[in-house]
Amino acid sequence: ENKNFTLAETIDLRNKYIGKSCEL
């Protein structure tokens, strides 16, 4: 799906799919 996620949605998706050790 192609959409513009909100900041909160992007953070949630990152927490779900990206390794926690990947630094921000």
PDB file of all heavy atoms in Angstrom:
ATOM      1  N   GLU A   1       0.837  -1.195   0.000  1.00  0.00           N
ATOM      2  CA  GLU A   1       0.000   0.000   0.000  1.00  0.00           C
ATOM      3  C   GLU A   1       0.877   1.251   0.000  1.00  0.00           C
ATOM      4  O   GLU A   1       1.828   1.362   0.756  1.00  0.00           O
ATOM      5  CB  GLU A   1      -0.894  -0.010   1.241  1.00  0.00           C
ATOM      6  CG  GLU A   1      -1.839   1.178   1.305  1.00  0.00           C
ATOM      7  CD  GLU A   1      -2.658   1.196   2.586  1.00  0.00           C
ATOM      8  OE1 GLU A   1      -2.483   0.299   3.417  1.00  0.00           O
ATOM      9  OE2 GLU A   1      -3.479   2.109   2.726  1.00  0.00           O
ATOM     10  N   ASN A   2       0.525   2.190  -0.859  1.00  0.00           N
ATOM     11  CA  ASN A   2       1.294   3.424  -0.974  1.00  0.00           C
ATOM     12  C   ASN A   2       0.532   4.545  -0.291  1.00  0.00           C
ATOM     13  O   ASN A   2      -0.509   4.987  -0.778  1.00  0.00           O
ATOM     14  CB  ASN A   2       1.525   3.751  -2.452  1.00  0.00           C
ATOM     15  CG  ASN A   2       2.442   4.944  -2.626  1.00  0.00           C
ATOM     16  OD1 ASN A   2       3.082   5.385  -1.689  1.00  0.00           O
ATOM     17  ND2 ASN A   2       2.512   5.471  -3.835  1.00  0.00           N
ATOM     18  N   LYS A   3       1.017   5.004   0.827  1.00  0.00           N
ATOM     19  CA  LYS A   3       0.368   6.094   1.560  1.00  0.00           C
ATOM     20  C   LYS A   3       1.411   6.857   2.356  1.00  0.00           C
ATOM     21  O   LYS A   3       2.529   6.382   2.568  1.00  0.00           O
ATOM     22  CB  LYS A   3      -0.720   5.553   2.495  1.00  0.00           C
ATOM     23  CG  LYS A   3      -0.193   4.666   3.623  1.00  0.00           C
ATOM     24  CD  LYS A   3      -1.249   4.407   4.675  1.00  0.00           C
ATOM     25  CE  LYS A   3      -1.497   5.618   5.538  1.00  0.00           C
ATOM     26  NZ  LYS A   3      -2.383   5.366   6.677  1.00  0.00           N
ATOM     27  N   ASN A   4       1.021   8.043   2.761  1.00  0.00           N
ATOM     28  CA  ASN A   4       1.881   8.838   3.623  1.00  0.00           C
ATOM     29  C   ASN A   4       1.497   8.587   5.073  1.00  0.00           C
ATOM     30  O   ASN A   4       0.422   8.999   5.526  1.00  0.00           O
ATOM     31  CB  ASN A   4       1.741  10.330   3.288  1.00  0.00           C
ATOM     32  CG  ASN A   4       2.285  10.653   1.913  1.00  0.00           C
ATOM     33  OD1 ASN A   4       3.290  10.111   1.502  1.00  0.00           O
ATOM     34  ND2 ASN A   4       1.597  11.531   1.200  1.00  0.00           N
ATOM     35  N   PHE A   5       2.366   7.895   5.791  1.00  0.00           N
ATOM     36  CA  PHE A   5       2.075   7.585   7.183  1.00  0.00           C
ATOM     37  C   PHE A   5       2.305   8.812   8.060  1.00  0.00           C
ATOM     38  O   PHE A   5       3.144   9.668   7.747  1.00  0.00           O
ATOM     39  CB  PHE A   5       2.974   6.443   7.674  1.00  0.00           C
ATOM     40  CG  PHE A   5       2.747   5.137   6.978  1.00  0.00           C
ATOM     41  CD1 PHE A   5       3.698   4.629   6.109  1.00  0.00           C
ATOM     42  CD2 PHE A   5       1.588   4.411   7.187  1.00  0.00           C
ATOM     43  CE1 PHE A   5       3.507   3.435   5.460  1.00  0.00           C
ATOM     44  CE2 PHE A   5       1.386   3.203   6.556  1.00  0.00           C
ATOM     45  CZ  PHE A   5       2.337   2.710   5.678  1.00  0.00           C
ATOM     46  N   THR A   6       1.578   8.894   9.143  1.00  0.00           N
ATOM     47  CA  THR A   6       1.861   9.923  10.132  1.00  0.00           C
ATOM     48  C   THR A   6       3.175   9.579  10.828  1.00  0.00           C
ATOM     49  O   THR A   6       3.681   8.446  10.720  1.00  0.00           O
ATOM     50  CB  THR A   6       0.752  10.004  11.184  1.00  0.00           C
ATOM     51  OG1 THR A   6       0.730   8.771  11.929  1.00  0.00           O
ATOM     52  CG2 THR A   6      -0.615  10.245  10.531  1.00  0.00           C
ATOM     53  N   LEU A   7       3.732  10.557  11.554  1.00  0.00           N
ATOM     54  CA  LEU A   7       4.964  10.308  12.283  1.00  0.00           C
ATOM     55  C   LEU A   7       4.800   9.132  13.237  1.00  0.00           C
ATOM     56  O   LEU A   7       5.651   8.241  13.302  1.00  0.00           O
ATOM     57  CB  LEU A   7       5.367  11.571  13.059  1.00  0.00           C
ATOM     58  CG  LEU A   7       6.611  11.464  13.943  1.00  0.00           C
ATOM     59  CD1 LEU A   7       7.850  11.199  13.094  1.00  0.00           C
ATOM     60  CD2 LEU A   7       6.807  12.736  14.753  1.00  0.00           C
ATOM     61  N   ALA A   8       3.687   9.113  13.957  1.00  0.00           N
ATOM     62  CA  ALA A   8       3.430   8.034  14.923  1.00  0.00           C
ATOM     63  C   ALA A   8       3.320   6.685  14.215  1.00  0.00           C
ATOM     64  O   ALA A   8       3.829   5.672  14.719  1.00  0.00           O
ATOM     65  CB  ALA A   8       2.169   8.331  15.708  1.00  0.00           C
ATOM     66  N   GLU A   9       2.663   6.663  13.064  1.00  0.00           N
ATOM     67  CA  GLU A   9       2.522   5.409  12.324  1.00  0.00           C
ATOM     68  C   GLU A   9       3.877   4.908  11.839  1.00  0.00           C
ATOM     69  O   GLU A   9       4.168   3.701  11.898  1.00  0.00           O
ATOM     70  CB  GLU A   9       1.583   5.607  11.133  1.00  0.00           C
ATOM     71  CG  GLU A   9       0.113   5.746  11.519  1.00  0.00           C
ATOM     72  CD  GLU A   9      -0.767   6.115  10.340  1.00  0.00           C
ATOM     73  OE1 GLU A   9      -0.272   6.765   9.389  1.00  0.00           O
ATOM     74  OE2 GLU A   9      -1.968   5.756  10.363  1.00  0.00           O
ATOM     75  N   THR A  10       4.713   5.812  11.357  1.00  0.00           N
ATOM     76  CA  THR A  10       6.040   5.414  10.888  1.00  0.00           C
ATOM     77  C   THR A  10       6.871   4.854  12.038  1.00  0.00           C
ATOM     78  O   THR A  10       7.575   3.847  11.880  1.00  0.00           O
ATOM     79  CB  THR A  10       6.765   6.606  10.246  1.00  0.00           C
ATOM     80  OG1 THR A  10       5.996   7.092   9.150  1.00  0.00           O
ATOM     81  CG2 THR A  10       8.145   6.206   9.745  1.00  0.00           C
ATOM     82  N   ILE A  11       6.791   5.485  13.212  1.00  0.00           N
ATOM     83  CA  ILE A  11       7.512   4.986  14.385  1.00  0.00           C
ATOM     84  C   ILE A  11       7.021   3.602  14.767  1.00  0.00           C
ATOM     85  O   ILE A  11       7.811   2.687  15.047  1.00  0.00           O
ATOM     86  CB  ILE A  11       7.365   5.972  15.563  1.00  0.00           C
ATOM     87  CG1 ILE A  11       8.133   7.269  15.260  1.00  0.00           C
ATOM     88  CG2 ILE A  11       7.891   5.345  16.859  1.00  0.00           C
ATOM     89  CD1 ILE A  11       7.904   8.372  16.280  1.00  0.00           C
ATOM     90  N   ASP A  12       5.700   3.412  14.767  1.00  0.00           N
ATOM     91  CA  ASP A  12       5.126   2.104  15.114  1.00  0.00           C
ATOM     92  C   ASP A  12       5.586   1.024  14.144  1.00  0.00           C
ATOM     93  O   ASP A  12       5.949  -0.096  14.548  1.00  0.00           O
ATOM     94  CB  ASP A  12       3.597   2.175  15.122  1.00  0.00           C
ATOM     95  CG  ASP A  12       3.046   2.949  16.314  1.00  0.00           C
ATOM     96  OD1 ASP A  12       3.810   3.149  17.283  1.00  0.00           O
ATOM     97  OD2 ASP A  12       1.872   3.352  16.279  1.00  0.00           O
ATOM     98  N   LEU A  13       5.591   1.349  12.845  1.00  0.00           N
ATOM     99  CA  LEU A  13       6.001   0.381  11.838  1.00  0.00           C
ATOM    100  C   LEU A  13       7.493   0.076  11.953  1.00  0.00           C
ATOM    101  O   LEU A  13       7.912  -1.077  11.783  1.00  0.00           O
ATOM    102  CB  LEU A  13       5.678   0.905  10.436  1.00  0.00           C
ATOM    103  CG  LEU A  13       4.189   0.899  10.065  1.00  0.00           C
ATOM    104  CD1 LEU A  13       3.945   1.713   8.809  1.00  0.00           C
ATOM    105  CD2 LEU A  13       3.700  -0.544   9.880  1.00  0.00           C
ATOM    106  N   ARG A  14       8.265   1.094  12.252  1.00  0.00           N
ATOM    107  CA  ARG A  14       9.713   0.865  12.441  1.00  0.00           C
ATOM    108  C   ARG A  14       9.940  -0.047  13.639  1.00  0.00           C
ATOM    109  O   ARG A  14      10.750  -0.984  13.571  1.00  0.00           O
ATOM    110  CB  ARG A  14      10.444   2.198  12.631  1.00  0.00           C
ATOM    111  CG  ARG A  14      11.958   2.032  12.754  1.00  0.00           C
ATOM    112  CD  ARG A  14      12.665   3.353  12.918  1.00  0.00           C
ATOM    113  NE  ARG A  14      14.092   3.162  13.148  1.00  0.00           N
ATOM    114  CZ  ARG A  14      15.056   3.377  12.267  1.00  0.00           C
ATOM    115  NH1 ARG A  14      14.759   3.804  11.052  1.00  0.00           N
ATOM    116  NH2 ARG A  14      16.328   3.171  12.575  1.00  0.00           N
ATOM    117  N   ASN A  15       9.249   0.209  14.736  1.00  0.00           N
ATOM    118  CA  ASN A  15       9.397  -0.629  15.921  1.00  0.00           C
ATOM    119  C   ASN A  15       8.982  -2.071  15.651  1.00  0.00           C
ATOM    120  O   ASN A  15       9.521  -3.008  16.244  1.00  0.00           O
ATOM    121  CB  ASN A  15       8.591  -0.055  17.078  1.00  0.00           C
ATOM    122  CG  ASN A  15       9.193   1.219  17.640  1.00  0.00           C
ATOM    123  OD1 ASN A  15      10.399   1.459  17.513  1.00  0.00           O
ATOM    124  ND2 ASN A  15       8.366   2.051  18.256  1.00  0.00           N
ATOM    125  N   LYS A  16       8.030  -2.243  14.740  1.00  0.00           N
ATOM    126  CA  LYS A  16       7.520  -3.580  14.442  1.00  0.00           C
ATOM    127  C   LYS A  16       8.434  -4.350  13.505  1.00  0.00           C
ATOM    128  O   LYS A  16       8.649  -5.559  13.689  1.00  0.00           O
ATOM    129  CB  LYS A  16       6.123  -3.468  13.824  1.00  0.00           C
ATOM    130  CG  LYS A  16       5.467  -4.819  13.530  1.00  0.00           C
ATOM    131  CD  LYS A  16       4.049  -4.639  12.996  1.00  0.00           C
ATOM    132  CE  LYS A  16       3.394  -5.995  12.732  1.00  0.00           C
ATOM    133  NZ  LYS A  16       2.000  -5.827  12.222  1.00  0.00           N
ATOM    134  N   TYR A  17       9.000  -3.683  12.501  1.00  0.00           N
ATOM    135  CA  TYR A  17       9.693  -4.395  11.427  1.00  0.00           C
ATOM    136  C   TYR A  17      11.211  -4.198  11.382  1.00  0.00           C
ATOM    137  O   TYR A  17      11.900  -4.952  10.697  1.00  0.00           O
ATOM    138  CB  TYR A  17       9.126  -3.957  10.071  1.00  0.00           C
ATOM    139  CG  TYR A  17       7.687  -4.379   9.861  1.00  0.00           C
ATOM    140  CD1 TYR A  17       6.675  -3.432   9.775  1.00  0.00           C
ATOM    141  CD2 TYR A  17       7.335  -5.729   9.749  1.00  0.00           C
ATOM    142  CE1 TYR A  17       5.351  -3.806   9.577  1.00  0.00           C
ATOM    143  CE2 TYR A  17       6.022  -6.114   9.557  1.00  0.00           C
ATOM    144  CZ  TYR A  17       5.023  -5.150   9.470  1.00  0.00           C
ATOM    145  OH  TYR A  17       3.729  -5.526   9.273  1.00  0.00           O
ATOM    146  N   ILE A  18      11.724  -3.188  12.070  1.00  0.00           N
ATOM    147  CA  ILE A  18      13.147  -2.889  12.002  1.00  0.00           C
ATOM    148  C   ILE A  18      13.830  -3.273  13.312  1.00  0.00           C
ATOM    149  O   ILE A  18      13.286  -3.055  14.395  1.00  0.00           O
ATOM    150  CB  ILE A  18      13.383  -1.382  11.714  1.00  0.00           C
ATOM    151  CG1 ILE A  18      12.633  -0.956  10.453  1.00  0.00           C
ATOM    152  CG2 ILE A  18      14.873  -1.094  11.578  1.00  0.00           C
ATOM    153  CD1 ILE A  18      13.049  -1.690   9.194  1.00  0.00           C
ATOM    154  N   GLY A  19      15.035  -3.828  13.198  1.00  0.00           N
ATOM    155  CA  GLY A  19      15.764  -4.257  14.387  1.00  0.00           C
ATOM    156  C   GLY A  19      15.939  -3.127  15.390  1.00  0.00           C
ATOM    157  O   GLY A  19      16.269  -1.998  15.007  1.00  0.00           O
ATOM    158  N   LYS A  20      15.742  -3.432  16.651  1.00  0.00           N
ATOM    159  CA  LYS A  20      15.795  -2.401  17.689  1.00  0.00           C
ATOM    160  C   LYS A  20      17.191  -1.797  17.854  1.00  0.00           C
ATOM    161  O   LYS A  20      17.333  -0.701  18.385  1.00  0.00           O
ATOM    162  CB  LYS A  20      15.336  -2.994  19.043  1.00  0.00           C
ATOM    163  CG  LYS A  20      13.906  -3.532  19.042  1.00  0.00           C
ATOM    164  CD  LYS A  20      12.896  -2.439  18.775  1.00  0.00           C
ATOM    165  CE  LYS A  20      11.473  -2.933  18.914  1.00  0.00           C
ATOM    166  NZ  LYS A  20      11.094  -3.959  17.906  1.00  0.00           N
ATOM    167  N   SER A  21      18.205  -2.504  17.401  1.00  0.00           N
ATOM    168  CA  SER A  21      19.562  -1.977  17.523  1.00  0.00           C
ATOM    169  C   SER A  21      19.906  -0.992  16.405  1.00  0.00           C
ATOM    170  O   SER A  21      20.987  -0.396  16.428  1.00  0.00           O
ATOM    171  CB  SER A  21      20.575  -3.126  17.517  1.00  0.00           C
ATOM    172  OG  SER A  21      20.440  -3.893  16.337  1.00  0.00           O
ATOM    173  N   CYS A  22      19.016  -0.810  15.428  1.00  0.00           N
ATOM    174  CA  CYS A  22      19.252   0.166  14.358  1.00  0.00           C
ATOM    175  C   CYS A  22      18.994   1.564  14.913  1.00  0.00           C
ATOM    176  O   CYS A  22      17.854   1.909  15.258  1.00  0.00           O
ATOM    177  CB  CYS A  22      18.343  -0.118  13.159  1.00  0.00           C
ATOM    178  SG  CYS A  22      18.702  -1.670  12.331  1.00  0.00           S
ATOM    179  N   GLU A  23      20.047   2.355  14.991  1.00  0.00           N
ATOM    180  CA  GLU A  23      20.019   3.615  15.724  1.00  0.00           C
ATOM    181  C   GLU A  23      19.319   4.732  14.956  1.00  0.00           C
ATOM    182  O   GLU A  23      19.379   4.804  13.726  1.00  0.00           O
ATOM    183  CB  GLU A  23      21.453   4.044  16.056  1.00  0.00           C
ATOM    184  CG  GLU A  23      21.557   5.191  17.042  1.00  0.00           C
ATOM    185  CD  GLU A  23      23.008   5.483  17.400  1.00  0.00           C
ATOM    186  OE1 GLU A  23      23.903   5.150  16.620  1.00  0.00           O
ATOM    187  OE2 GLU A  23      23.229   6.052  18.486  1.00  0.00           O
ATOM    188  N   LEU A  24      18.663   5.602  15.714  1.00  0.00           N
ATOM    189  CA  LEU A  24      18.034   6.808  15.173  1.00  0.00           C
ATOM    190  C   LEU A  24      18.726   8.045  15.739  1.00  0.00           C
ATOM    191  O   LEU A  24      19.178   8.047  16.890  1.00  0.00           O
ATOM    192  CB  LEU A  24      16.560   6.885  15.587  1.00  0.00           C
ATOM    193  CG  LEU A  24      15.512   6.144  14.743  1.00  0.00           C
ATOM    194  CD1 LEU A  24      14.174   6.183  15.475  1.00  0.00           C
ATOM    195  CD2 LEU A  24      15.373   6.749  13.361  1.00  0.00           C
TER     196      LEU A  24
END
